[in-house]
């Protein structure tokens, strides 16, 4: 059963990367590393695998994560200014839809179609 769960998670990550790659981005912005609202835990986040897959496809990845006190995460630039982040990102990958993303909704890829965590 555990093997099926791992395979399902892997398939989901690959699907997300394929959907993003279909948009032919040069730069993908990762909006928040945390998996849940009001969380600061991103150490075991599934997004880290997706970042690696995107980089394996020669896509530049930038990260917007205001809780991170570093300029680099997983060999990716951490952008602190949201206006700069949205300007340089061709596609923005978000775990959840948040109001701040409404102004760039044409760039956002999320599976959060119901605006839930």
PDB file of N, CA and C in Angstrom:
ATOM      1  N   UNK A   1       0.814  -1.197   0.000  1.00  0.00           N
ATOM      2  CA  UNK A   1       0.000   0.000   0.000  1.00  0.00           C
ATOM      3  C   UNK A   1       0.862   1.268   0.000  1.00  0.00           C
ATOM      4  N   UNK A   2       1.937   1.251   0.798  1.00  0.00           N
ATOM      5  CA  UNK A   2       2.833   2.403   0.873  1.00  0.00           C
ATOM      6  C   UNK A   2       3.479   2.680  -0.479  1.00  0.00           C
ATOM      7  N   UNK A   3       3.843   1.618  -1.211  1.00  0.00           N
ATOM      8  CA  UNK A   3       4.443   1.775  -2.538  1.00  0.00           C
ATOM      9  C   UNK A   3       3.480   2.460  -3.499  1.00  0.00           C
ATOM     10  N   UNK A   4       2.200   2.146  -3.391  1.00  0.00           N
ATOM     11  CA  UNK A   4       1.193   2.779  -4.251  1.00  0.00           C
ATOM     12  C   UNK A   4       1.071   4.266  -3.939  1.00  0.00           C
ATOM     13  N   UNK A   5       1.148   4.606  -2.685  1.00  0.00           N
ATOM     14  CA  UNK A   5       1.083   6.011  -2.292  1.00  0.00           C
ATOM     15  C   UNK A   5       2.284   6.782  -2.832  1.00  0.00           C
ATOM     16  N   UNK A   6       3.463   6.202  -2.712  1.00  0.00           N
ATOM     17  CA  UNK A   6       4.674   6.845  -3.242  1.00  0.00           C
ATOM     18  C   UNK A   6       4.560   7.018  -4.751  1.00  0.00           C
ATOM     19  N   UNK A   7       4.094   6.000  -5.451  1.00  0.00           N
ATOM     20  CA  UNK A   7       3.939   6.075  -6.909  1.00  0.00           C
ATOM     21  C   UNK A   7       2.900   7.130  -7.290  1.00  0.00           C
ATOM     22  N   UNK A   8       1.810   7.195  -6.549  1.00  0.00           N
ATOM     23  CA  UNK A   8       0.778   8.196  -6.808  1.00  0.00           C
ATOM     24  C   UNK A   8       1.322   9.609  -6.625  1.00  0.00           C
ATOM     25  N   UNK A   9       2.082   9.830  -5.562  1.00  0.00           N
ATOM     26  CA  UNK A   9       2.678  11.147  -5.328  1.00  0.00           C
ATOM     27  C   UNK A   9       3.666  11.499  -6.432  1.00  0.00           C
ATOM     28  N   UNK A  10       4.442  10.536  -6.863  1.00  0.00           N
ATOM     29  CA  UNK A  10       5.402  10.751  -7.945  1.00  0.00           C
ATOM     30  C   UNK A  10       4.681  11.124  -9.240  1.00  0.00           C
ATOM     31  N   UNK A  11       3.623  10.405  -9.546  1.00  0.00           N
ATOM     32  CA  UNK A  11       2.832  10.676 -10.753  1.00  0.00           C
ATOM     33  C   UNK A  11       2.238  12.078 -10.710  1.00  0.00           C
ATOM     34  N   UNK A  12       1.746  12.487  -9.544  1.00  0.00           N
ATOM     35  CA  UNK A  12       1.157  13.818  -9.385  1.00  0.00           C
ATOM     36  C   UNK A  12       2.215  14.893  -9.633  1.00  0.00           C
ATOM     37  N   UNK A  13       3.411  14.720  -9.094  1.00  0.00           N
ATOM     38  CA  UNK A  13       4.484  15.700  -9.299  1.00  0.00           C
ATOM     39  C   UNK A  13       4.877  15.780 -10.778  1.00  0.00           C
ATOM     40  N   UNK A  14       4.991  14.637 -11.415  1.00  0.00           N
ATOM     41  CA  UNK A  14       5.340  14.615 -12.844  1.00  0.00           C
ATOM     42  C   UNK A  14       4.256  15.293 -13.674  1.00  0.00           C
ATOM     43  N   UNK A  15       3.001  15.088 -13.313  1.00  0.00           N
ATOM     44  CA  UNK A  15       1.899  15.737 -14.033  1.00  0.00           C
ATOM     45  C   UNK A  15       1.990  17.262 -13.899  1.00  0.00           C
ATOM     46  N   UNK A  16       2.256  17.729 -12.699  1.00  0.00           N
ATOM     47  CA  UNK A  16       2.386  19.169 -12.476  1.00  0.00           C
ATOM     48  C   UNK A  16       3.509  19.738 -13.335  1.00  0.00           C
ATOM     49  N   UNK A  17       4.650  19.077 -13.345  1.00  0.00           N
ATOM     50  CA  UNK A  17       5.782  19.547 -14.148  1.00  0.00           C
ATOM     51  C   UNK A  17       5.426  19.528 -15.630  1.00  0.00           C
ATOM     52  N   UNK A  18       4.770  18.482 -16.099  1.00  0.00           N
ATOM     53  CA  UNK A  18       4.368  18.410 -17.511  1.00  0.00           C
ATOM     54  C   UNK A  18       3.415  19.545 -17.879  1.00  0.00           C
ATOM     55  N   UNK A  19       2.472  19.838 -17.002  1.00  0.00           N
ATOM     56  CA  UNK A  19       1.526  20.930 -17.280  1.00  0.00           C
ATOM     57  C   UNK A  19       2.253  22.275 -17.369  1.00  0.00           C
ATOM     58  N   UNK A  20       3.216  22.475 -16.490  1.00  0.00           N
ATOM     59  CA  UNK A  20       3.990  23.716 -16.513  1.00  0.00           C
ATOM     60  C   UNK A  20       4.871  23.762 -17.758  1.00  0.00           C
ATOM     61  N   UNK A  21       5.529  22.666 -18.089  1.00  0.00           N
ATOM     62  CA  UNK A  21       6.412  22.631 -19.256  1.00  0.00           C
ATOM     63  C   UNK A  21       5.641  22.861 -20.552  1.00  0.00           C
ATOM     64  N   UNK A  22       4.370  22.491 -20.601  1.00  0.00           N
ATOM     65  CA  UNK A  22       3.543  22.750 -21.781  1.00  0.00           C
ATOM     66  C   UNK A  22       3.399  24.240 -22.064  1.00  0.00           C
ATOM     67  N   UNK A  23       3.611  25.068 -21.055  1.00  0.00           N
ATOM     68  CA  UNK A  23       3.522  26.522 -21.212  1.00  0.00           C
ATOM     69  C   UNK A  23       4.838  27.121 -21.707  1.00  0.00           C
ATOM     70  N   UNK A  24       5.873  26.270 -21.821  1.00  0.00           N
ATOM     71  CA  UNK A  24       7.190  26.657 -22.313  1.00  0.00           C
ATOM     72  C   UNK A  24       7.795  27.867 -21.576  1.00  0.00           C
ATOM     73  N   UNK A  25       7.837  27.802 -20.261  1.00  0.00           N
ATOM     74  CA  UNK A  25       8.400  28.928 -19.501  1.00  0.00           C
ATOM     75  C   UNK A  25       9.921  28.926 -19.504  1.00  0.00           C
ATOM     76  N   UNK A  26      10.479  30.111 -19.415  1.00  0.00           N
ATOM     77  CA  UNK A  26      11.919  30.237 -19.195  1.00  0.00           C
ATOM     78  C   UNK A  26      12.192  30.321 -17.699  1.00  0.00           C
ATOM     79  N   UNK A  27      11.269  30.983 -16.981  1.00  0.00           N
ATOM     80  CA  UNK A  27      11.406  31.137 -15.535  1.00  0.00           C
ATOM     81  C   UNK A  27      10.092  30.762 -14.862  1.00  0.00           C
ATOM     82  N   UNK A  28      10.190  29.874 -13.886  1.00  0.00           N
ATOM     83  CA  UNK A  28       9.023  29.497 -13.081  1.00  0.00           C
ATOM     84  C   UNK A  28       9.235  30.047 -11.684  1.00  0.00           C
ATOM     85  N   UNK A  29       8.236  30.756 -11.213  1.00  0.00           N
ATOM     86  CA  UNK A  29       8.266  31.262  -9.850  1.00  0.00           C
ATOM     87  C   UNK A  29       7.516  30.309  -8.934  1.00  0.00           C
ATOM     88  N   UNK A  30       8.127  29.987  -7.827  1.00  0.00           N
ATOM     89  CA  UNK A  30       7.477  29.158  -6.824  1.00  0.00           C
ATOM     90  C   UNK A  30       6.941  30.101  -5.758  1.00  0.00           C
ATOM     91  N   UNK A  31       5.617  30.173  -5.654  1.00  0.00           N
ATOM     92  CA  UNK A  31       4.992  31.034  -4.661  1.00  0.00           C
ATOM     93  C   UNK A  31       4.806  30.244  -3.378  1.00  0.00           C
ATOM     94  N   UNK A  32       5.676  30.473  -2.444  1.00  0.00           N
ATOM     95  CA  UNK A  32       5.668  29.872  -1.126  1.00  0.00           C
ATOM     96  C   UNK A  32       6.099  28.414  -1.161  1.00  0.00           C
ATOM     97  N   UNK A  33       6.964  28.066  -0.273  1.00  0.00           N
ATOM     98  CA  UNK A  33       7.460  26.698  -0.119  1.00  0.00           C
ATOM     99  C   UNK A  33       6.607  25.903   0.866  1.00  0.00           C
ATOM    100  N   UNK A  34       5.880  26.602   1.691  1.00  0.00           N
ATOM    101  CA  UNK A  34       5.077  25.942   2.714  1.00  0.00           C
ATOM    102  C   UNK A  34       3.862  25.263   2.093  1.00  0.00           C
ATOM    103  N   UNK A  35       3.463  24.178   2.694  1.00  0.00           N
ATOM    104  CA  UNK A  35       2.339  23.409   2.168  1.00  0.00           C
ATOM    105  C   UNK A  35       0.993  23.897   2.693  1.00  0.00           C
ATOM    106  N   UNK A  36       0.979  24.514   3.851  1.00  0.00           N
ATOM    107  CA  UNK A  36      -0.268  24.954   4.474  1.00  0.00           C
ATOM    108  C   UNK A  36      -0.180  26.424   4.833  1.00  0.00           C
ATOM    109  N   UNK A  37      -1.323  27.096   4.841  1.00  0.00           N
ATOM    110  CA  UNK A  37      -1.399  28.488   5.247  1.00  0.00           C
ATOM    111  C   UNK A  37      -0.896  28.632   6.680  1.00  0.00           C
ATOM    112  N   UNK A  38      -0.192  29.712   6.945  1.00  0.00           N
ATOM    113  CA  UNK A  38       0.340  30.040   8.274  1.00  0.00           C
ATOM    114  C   UNK A  38       1.341  29.005   8.796  1.00  0.00           C
ATOM    115  N   UNK A  39       1.960  28.276   7.905  1.00  0.00           N
ATOM    116  CA  UNK A  39       2.977  27.307   8.296  1.00  0.00           C
ATOM    117  C   UNK A  39       4.340  27.843   7.891  1.00  0.00           C
ATOM    118  N   UNK A  40       5.364  27.429   8.620  1.00  0.00           N
ATOM    119  CA  UNK A  40       6.724  27.773   8.211  1.00  0.00           C
ATOM    120  C   UNK A  40       7.540  26.508   7.967  1.00  0.00           C
ATOM    121  N   UNK A  41       6.861  25.379   7.823  1.00  0.00           N
ATOM    122  CA  UNK A  41       7.534  24.108   7.603  1.00  0.00           C
ATOM    123  C   UNK A  41       7.547  23.778   6.118  1.00  0.00           C
ATOM    124  N   UNK A  42       8.729  23.868   5.506  1.00  0.00           N
ATOM    125  CA  UNK A  42       8.853  23.503   4.098  1.00  0.00           C
ATOM    126  C   UNK A  42      10.003  22.525   3.873  1.00  0.00           C
ATOM    127  N   UNK A  43      10.560  22.006   4.950  1.00  0.00           N
ATOM    128  CA  UNK A  43      11.707  21.115   4.818  1.00  0.00           C
ATOM    129  C   UNK A  43      11.377  19.840   4.048  1.00  0.00           C
ATOM    130  N   UNK A  44      10.201  19.279   4.226  1.00  0.00           N
ATOM    131  CA  UNK A  44       9.847  18.023   3.556  1.00  0.00           C
ATOM    132  C   UNK A  44       8.783  18.244   2.488  1.00  0.00           C
ATOM    133  N   UNK A  45       8.674  19.453   2.021  1.00  0.00           N
ATOM    134  CA  UNK A  45       7.637  19.806   1.068  1.00  0.00           C
ATOM    135  C   UNK A  45       7.838  19.117  -0.284  1.00  0.00           C
ATOM    136  N   UNK A  46       6.726  18.683  -0.878  1.00  0.00           N
ATOM    137  CA  UNK A  46       6.757  18.050  -2.197  1.00  0.00           C
ATOM    138  C   UNK A  46       7.262  19.015  -3.271  1.00  0.00           C
ATOM    139  N   UNK A  47       7.148  20.301  -3.022  1.00  0.00           N
ATOM    140  CA  UNK A  47       7.575  21.285  -4.009  1.00  0.00           C
ATOM    141  C   UNK A  47       9.068  21.164  -4.300  1.00  0.00           C
ATOM    142  N   UNK A  48       9.825  20.650  -3.367  1.00  0.00           N
ATOM    143  CA  UNK A  48      11.263  20.521  -3.590  1.00  0.00           C
ATOM    144  C   UNK A  48      11.572  19.546  -4.722  1.00  0.00           C
ATOM    145  N   UNK A  49      10.808  18.466  -4.829  1.00  0.00           N
ATOM    146  CA  UNK A  49      10.986  17.549  -5.957  1.00  0.00           C
ATOM    147  C   UNK A  49      10.601  18.221  -7.267  1.00  0.00           C
ATOM    148  N   UNK A  50       9.536  18.990  -7.242  1.00  0.00           N
ATOM    149  CA  UNK A  50       9.084  19.687  -8.450  1.00  0.00           C
ATOM    150  C   UNK A  50      10.146  20.687  -8.905  1.00  0.00           C
ATOM    151  N   UNK A  51      10.761  21.375  -7.962  1.00  0.00           N
ATOM    152  CA  UNK A  51      11.855  22.301  -8.302  1.00  0.00           C
ATOM    153  C   UNK A  51      12.964  21.551  -9.027  1.00  0.00           C
ATOM    154  N   UNK A  52      13.341  20.402  -8.511  1.00  0.00           N
ATOM    155  CA  UNK A  52      14.396  19.610  -9.157  1.00  0.00           C
ATOM    156  C   UNK A  52      13.999  19.185 -10.564  1.00  0.00           C
ATOM    157  N   UNK A  53      12.766  18.745 -10.745  1.00  0.00           N
ATOM    158  CA  UNK A  53      12.295  18.336 -12.072  1.00  0.00           C
ATOM    159  C   UNK A  53      12.318  19.511 -13.048  1.00  0.00           C
ATOM    160  N   UNK A  54      11.898  20.676 -12.592  1.00  0.00           N
ATOM    161  CA  UNK A  54      11.910  21.859 -13.461  1.00  0.00           C
ATOM    162  C   UNK A  54      13.343  22.207 -13.858  1.00  0.00           C
ATOM    163  N   UNK A  55      14.246  22.173 -12.888  1.00  0.00           N
ATOM    164  CA  UNK A  55      15.645  22.481 -13.180  1.00  0.00           C
ATOM    165  C   UNK A  55      16.246  21.434 -14.128  1.00  0.00           C
ATOM    166  N   UNK A  56      15.828  20.180 -13.994  1.00  0.00           N
ATOM    167  CA  UNK A  56      16.285  19.131 -14.914  1.00  0.00           C
ATOM    168  C   UNK A  56      15.816  19.404 -16.345  1.00  0.00           C
ATOM    169  N   UNK A  57      14.731  20.196 -16.475  1.00  0.00           N
ATOM    170  CA  UNK A  57      14.216  20.581 -17.787  1.00  0.00           C
ATOM    171  C   UNK A  57      14.751  21.939 -18.234  1.00  0.00           C
ATOM    172  N   UNK A  58      15.848  22.372 -17.596  1.00  0.00           N
ATOM    173  CA  UNK A  58      16.519  23.626 -17.952  1.00  0.00           C
ATOM    174  C   UNK A  58      15.649  24.865 -17.797  1.00  0.00           C
ATOM    175  N   UNK A  59      14.808  24.846 -16.785  1.00  0.00           N
ATOM    176  CA  UNK A  59      13.971  26.001 -16.474  1.00  0.00           C
ATOM    177  C   UNK A  59      14.588  26.699 -15.270  1.00  0.00           C
ATOM    178  N   UNK A  60      14.692  28.018 -15.351  1.00  0.00           N
ATOM    179  CA  UNK A  60      15.153  28.795 -14.202  1.00  0.00           C
ATOM    180  C   UNK A  60      14.009  28.828 -13.184  1.00  0.00           C
ATOM    181  N   UNK A  61      14.345  28.618 -11.929  1.00  0.00           N
ATOM    182  CA  UNK A  61      13.353  28.630 -10.862  1.00  0.00           C
ATOM    183  C   UNK A  61      13.726  29.719  -9.865  1.00  0.00           C
ATOM    184  N   UNK A  62      12.745  30.569  -9.540  1.00  0.00           N
ATOM    185  CA  UNK A  62      12.911  31.575  -8.492  1.00  0.00           C
ATOM    186  C   UNK A  62      11.833  31.312  -7.447  1.00  0.00           C
ATOM    187  N   UNK A  63      12.100  31.717  -6.235  1.00  0.00           N
ATOM    188  CA  UNK A  63      11.209  31.409  -5.120  1.00  0.00           C
ATOM    189  C   UNK A  63      10.807  32.690  -4.401  1.00  0.00           C
ATOM    190  N   UNK A  64       9.508  32.802  -4.127  1.00  0.00           N
ATOM    191  CA  UNK A  64       9.009  33.864  -3.258  1.00  0.00           C
ATOM    192  C   UNK A  64       8.564  33.203  -1.955  1.00  0.00           C
ATOM    193  N   UNK A  65       9.338  33.410  -0.923  1.00  0.00           N
ATOM    194  CA  UNK A  65       9.025  32.846   0.392  1.00  0.00           C
ATOM    195  C   UNK A  65       9.468  33.837   1.460  1.00  0.00           C
ATOM    196  N   UNK A  66       8.530  34.685   1.922  1.00  0.00           N
ATOM    197  CA  UNK A  66       8.903  35.736   2.869  1.00  0.00           C
ATOM    198  C   UNK A  66       9.409  35.229   4.217  1.00  0.00           C
ATOM    199  N   UNK A  67       9.122  33.986   4.583  1.00  0.00           N
ATOM    200  CA  UNK A  67       9.588  33.475   5.877  1.00  0.00           C
ATOM    201  C   UNK A  67      11.013  32.951   5.818  1.00  0.00           C
ATOM    202  N   UNK A  68      11.589  32.906   4.634  1.00  0.00           N
ATOM    203  CA  UNK A  68      12.932  32.357   4.465  1.00  0.00           C
ATOM    204  C   UNK A  68      13.975  33.459   4.625  1.00  0.00           C
ATOM    205  N   UNK A  69      14.941  33.232   5.480  1.00  0.00           N
ATOM    206  CA  UNK A  69      15.992  34.223   5.743  1.00  0.00           C
ATOM    207  C   UNK A  69      17.256  33.896   4.961  1.00  0.00           C
ATOM    208  N   UNK A  70      17.092  33.636   3.677  1.00  0.00           N
ATOM    209  CA  UNK A  70      18.227  33.289   2.837  1.00  0.00           C
ATOM    210  C   UNK A  70      17.995  33.864   1.446  1.00  0.00           C
ATOM    211  N   UNK A  71      19.064  34.078   0.712  1.00  0.00           N
ATOM    212  CA  UNK A  71      18.947  34.578  -0.658  1.00  0.00           C
ATOM    213  C   UNK A  71      18.892  33.448  -1.673  1.00  0.00           C
ATOM    214  N   UNK A  72      19.175  32.222  -1.214  1.00  0.00           N
ATOM    215  CA  UNK A  72      19.186  31.053  -2.087  1.00  0.00           C
ATOM    216  C   UNK A  72      18.557  29.882  -1.340  1.00  0.00           C
ATOM    217  N   UNK A  73      17.767  29.097  -2.065  1.00  0.00           N
ATOM    218  CA  UNK A  73      17.207  27.862  -1.524  1.00  0.00           C
ATOM    219  C   UNK A  73      17.213  26.836  -2.655  1.00  0.00           C
ATOM    220  N   UNK A  74      17.784  25.676  -2.396  1.00  0.00           N
ATOM    221  CA  UNK A  74      17.854  24.594  -3.394  1.00  0.00           C
ATOM    222  C   UNK A  74      18.475  25.101  -4.695  1.00  0.00           C
ATOM    223  N   UNK A  75      19.497  25.914  -4.569  1.00  0.00           N
ATOM    224  CA  UNK A  75      20.197  26.481  -5.724  1.00  0.00           C
ATOM    225  C   UNK A  75      19.321  27.419  -6.557  1.00  0.00           C
ATOM    226  N   UNK A  76      18.288  27.968  -5.953  1.00  0.00           N
ATOM    227  CA  UNK A  76      17.379  28.903  -6.636  1.00  0.00           C
ATOM    228  C   UNK A  76      17.403  30.242  -5.908  1.00  0.00           C
ATOM    229  N   UNK A  77      17.299  31.305  -6.681  1.00  0.00           N
ATOM    230  CA  UNK A  77      17.247  32.647  -6.103  1.00  0.00           C
ATOM    231  C   UNK A  77      15.945  32.820  -5.318  1.00  0.00           C
ATOM    232  N   UNK A  78      16.052  33.392  -4.133  1.00  0.00           N
ATOM    233  CA  UNK A  78      14.884  33.745  -3.334  1.00  0.00           C
ATOM    234  C   UNK A  78      14.629  35.230  -3.547  1.00  0.00           C
ATOM    235  N   UNK A  79      13.454  35.539  -4.074  1.00  0.00           N
ATOM    236  CA  UNK A  79      13.072  36.922  -4.373  1.00  0.00           C
ATOM    237  C   UNK A  79      12.168  37.408  -3.247  1.00  0.00           C
ATOM    238  N   UNK A  80      12.557  38.480  -2.587  1.00  0.00           N
ATOM    239  CA  UNK A  80      11.794  38.995  -1.440  1.00  0.00           C
ATOM    240  C   UNK A  80      10.690  39.971  -1.851  1.00  0.00           C
ATOM    241  N   UNK A  81      10.840  40.587  -3.010  1.00  0.00           N
ATOM    242  CA  UNK A  81       9.887  41.597  -3.474  1.00  0.00           C
ATOM    243  C   UNK A  81       8.852  40.937  -4.388  1.00  0.00           C
ATOM    244  N   UNK A  82       7.588  40.947  -3.983  1.00  0.00           N
ATOM    245  CA  UNK A  82       6.560  40.263  -4.757  1.00  0.00           C
ATOM    246  C   UNK A  82       6.390  40.881  -6.146  1.00  0.00           C
ATOM    247  N   UNK A  83       6.496  42.196  -6.260  1.00  0.00           N
ATOM    248  CA  UNK A  83       6.367  42.838  -7.575  1.00  0.00           C
ATOM    249  C   UNK A  83       7.457  42.349  -8.534  1.00  0.00           C
ATOM    250  N   UNK A  84       8.669  42.227  -8.038  1.00  0.00           N
ATOM    251  CA  UNK A  84       9.767  41.709  -8.855  1.00  0.00           C
ATOM    252  C   UNK A  84       9.518  40.244  -9.210  1.00  0.00           C
ATOM    253  N   UNK A  85       9.069  39.462  -8.240  1.00  0.00           N
ATOM    254  CA  UNK A  85       8.780  38.045  -8.444  1.00  0.00           C
ATOM    255  C   UNK A  85       7.758  37.838  -9.554  1.00  0.00           C
ATOM    256  N   UNK A  86       6.670  38.567  -9.505  1.00  0.00           N
ATOM    257  CA  UNK A  86       5.625  38.373 -10.523  1.00  0.00           C
ATOM    258  C   UNK A  86       6.088  38.865 -11.897  1.00  0.00           C
ATOM    259  N   UNK A  87       6.972  39.849 -11.916  1.00  0.00           N
ATOM    260  CA  UNK A  87       7.472  40.371 -13.188  1.00  0.00           C
ATOM    261  C   UNK A  87       8.406  39.373 -13.879  1.00  0.00           C
ATOM    262  N   UNK A  88       9.271  38.708 -13.119  1.00  0.00           N
ATOM    263  CA  UNK A  88      10.263  37.833 -13.736  1.00  0.00           C
ATOM    264  C   UNK A  88       9.770  36.404 -13.961  1.00  0.00           C
ATOM    265  N   UNK A  89       8.617  36.057 -13.403  1.00  0.00           N
ATOM    266  CA  UNK A  89       8.088  34.691 -13.526  1.00  0.00           C
ATOM    267  C   UNK A  89       7.160  34.573 -14.730  1.00  0.00           C
ATOM    268  N   UNK A  90       7.465  33.614 -15.619  1.00  0.00           N
ATOM    269  CA  UNK A  90       6.572  33.336 -16.745  1.00  0.00           C
ATOM    270  C   UNK A  90       5.362  32.533 -16.274  1.00  0.00           C
ATOM    271  N   UNK A  91       5.605  31.618 -15.354  1.00  0.00           N
ATOM    272  CA  UNK A  91       4.562  30.808 -14.722  1.00  0.00           C
ATOM    273  C   UNK A  91       4.827  30.871 -13.225  1.00  0.00           C
ATOM    274  N   UNK A  92       3.750  30.973 -12.447  1.00  0.00           N
ATOM    275  CA  UNK A  92       3.870  30.960 -10.996  1.00  0.00           C
ATOM    276  C   UNK A  92       3.161  29.721 -10.480  1.00  0.00           C
ATOM    277  N   UNK A  93       3.913  28.865  -9.829  1.00  0.00           N
ATOM    278  CA  UNK A  93       3.363  27.648  -9.246  1.00  0.00           C
ATOM    279  C   UNK A  93       3.012  27.926  -7.793  1.00  0.00           C
ATOM    280  N   UNK A  94       1.733  27.717  -7.466  1.00  0.00           N
ATOM    281  CA  UNK A  94       1.265  27.987  -6.108  1.00  0.00           C
ATOM    282  C   UNK A  94       0.528  26.764  -5.571  1.00  0.00           C
ATOM    283  N   UNK A  95       0.853  26.380  -4.363  1.00  0.00           N
ATOM    284  CA  UNK A  95       0.166  25.268  -3.719  1.00  0.00           C
ATOM    285  C   UNK A  95      -1.285  25.625  -3.437  1.00  0.00           C
ATOM    286  N   UNK A  96      -1.511  26.903  -3.175  1.00  0.00           N
ATOM    287  CA  UNK A  96      -2.870  27.363  -2.897  1.00  0.00           C
ATOM    288  C   UNK A  96      -3.078  28.742  -3.532  1.00  0.00           C
ATOM    289  N   UNK A  97      -4.300  29.009  -3.897  1.00  0.00           N
ATOM    290  CA  UNK A  97      -4.659  30.308  -4.466  1.00  0.00           C
ATOM    291  C   UNK A  97      -4.848  31.294  -3.322  1.00  0.00           C
ATOM    292  N   UNK A  98      -4.189  32.420  -3.406  1.00  0.00           N
ATOM    293  CA  UNK A  98      -4.338  33.469  -2.398  1.00  0.00           C
ATOM    294  C   UNK A  98      -4.664  34.770  -3.105  1.00  0.00           C
ATOM    295  N   UNK A  99      -5.284  35.670  -2.379  1.00  0.00           N
ATOM    296  CA  UNK A  99      -5.737  36.941  -2.948  1.00  0.00           C
ATOM    297  C   UNK A  99      -4.605  37.703  -3.648  1.00  0.00           C
ATOM    298  N   UNK A 100      -3.401  37.673  -3.104  1.00  0.00           N
ATOM    299  CA  UNK A 100      -2.263  38.393  -3.681  1.00  0.00           C
ATOM    300  C   UNK A 100      -1.977  37.928  -5.118  1.00  0.00           C
ATOM    301  N   UNK A 101      -2.377  36.711  -5.457  1.00  0.00           N
ATOM    302  CA  UNK A 101      -2.120  36.157  -6.793  1.00  0.00           C
ATOM    303  C   UNK A 101      -3.188  36.543  -7.818  1.00  0.00           C
ATOM    304  N   UNK A 102      -4.285  37.142  -7.357  1.00  0.00           N
ATOM    305  CA  UNK A 102      -5.382  37.495  -8.272  1.00  0.00           C
ATOM    306  C   UNK A 102      -4.913  38.373  -9.431  1.00  0.00           C
ATOM    307  N   UNK A 103      -3.990  39.289  -9.167  1.00  0.00           N
ATOM    308  CA  UNK A 103      -3.544  40.215 -10.210  1.00  0.00           C
ATOM    309  C   UNK A 103      -2.671  39.544 -11.275  1.00  0.00           C
ATOM    310  N   UNK A 104      -2.199  38.329 -10.997  1.00  0.00           N
ATOM    311  CA  UNK A 104      -1.379  37.595 -11.971  1.00  0.00           C
ATOM    312  C   UNK A 104      -1.988  36.215 -12.245  1.00  0.00           C
ATOM    313  N   UNK A 105      -3.297  36.106 -12.116  1.00  0.00           N
ATOM    314  CA  UNK A 105      -3.951  34.795 -12.228  1.00  0.00           C
ATOM    315  C   UNK A 105      -3.707  34.123 -13.577  1.00  0.00           C
ATOM    316  N   UNK A 106      -3.398  34.905 -14.620  1.00  0.00           N
ATOM    317  CA  UNK A 106      -3.099  34.312 -15.923  1.00  0.00           C
ATOM    318  C   UNK A 106      -1.753  33.589 -15.928  1.00  0.00           C
ATOM    319  N   UNK A 107      -0.900  33.866 -14.953  1.00  0.00           N
ATOM    320  CA  UNK A 107       0.407  33.202 -14.846  1.00  0.00           C
ATOM    321  C   UNK A 107       0.393  32.038 -13.859  1.00  0.00           C
ATOM    322  N   UNK A 108      -0.645  31.931 -13.038  1.00  0.00           N
ATOM    323  CA  UNK A 108      -0.647  30.993 -11.916  1.00  0.00           C
ATOM    324  C   UNK A 108      -1.085  29.595 -12.353  1.00  0.00           C
ATOM    325  N   UNK A 109      -0.286  28.610 -11.915  1.00  0.00           N
ATOM    326  CA  UNK A 109      -0.686  27.208 -12.027  1.00  0.00           C
ATOM    327  C   UNK A 109      -0.876  26.699 -10.603  1.00  0.00           C
ATOM    328  N   UNK A 110      -2.074  26.264 -10.308  1.00  0.00           N
ATOM    329  CA  UNK A 110      -2.380  25.694  -9.005  1.00  0.00           C
ATOM    330  C   UNK A 110      -3.441  24.631  -9.181  1.00  0.00           C
ATOM    331  N   UNK A 111      -3.433  23.672  -8.293  1.00  0.00           N
ATOM    332  CA  UNK A 111      -4.484  22.654  -8.286  1.00  0.00           C
ATOM    333  C   UNK A 111      -5.534  23.000  -7.251  1.00  0.00           C
ATOM    334  N   UNK A 112      -5.406  24.163  -6.627  1.00  0.00           N
ATOM    335  CA  UNK A 112      -6.325  24.643  -5.589  1.00  0.00           C
ATOM    336  C   UNK A 112      -7.509  25.349  -6.250  1.00  0.00           C
ATOM    337  N   UNK A 113      -8.377  24.592  -6.875  1.00  0.00           N
ATOM    338  CA  UNK A 113      -9.483  25.205  -7.613  1.00  0.00           C
ATOM    339  C   UNK A 113     -10.621  25.637  -6.687  1.00  0.00           C
ATOM    340  N   UNK A 114     -10.597  25.157  -5.438  1.00  0.00           N
ATOM    341  CA  UNK A 114     -11.649  25.514  -4.491  1.00  0.00           C
ATOM    342  C   UNK A 114     -11.180  26.495  -3.421  1.00  0.00           C
ATOM    343  N   UNK A 115      -9.958  27.009  -3.572  1.00  0.00           N
ATOM    344  CA  UNK A 115      -9.384  27.951  -2.605  1.00  0.00           C
ATOM    345  C   UNK A 115      -9.374  27.388  -1.185  1.00  0.00           C
ATOM    346  N   UNK A 116      -8.947  26.135  -1.079  1.00  0.00           N
ATOM    347  CA  UNK A 116      -8.845  25.482   0.229  1.00  0.00           C
ATOM    348  C   UNK A 116      -7.419  25.027   0.437  1.00  0.00           C
ATOM    349  N   UNK A 117      -7.022  24.897   1.680  1.00  0.00           N
ATOM    350  CA  UNK A 117      -5.714  24.344   2.032  1.00  0.00           C
ATOM    351  C   UNK A 117      -5.720  22.853   1.899  1.00  0.00           C
TER     352      UNK A 117
END
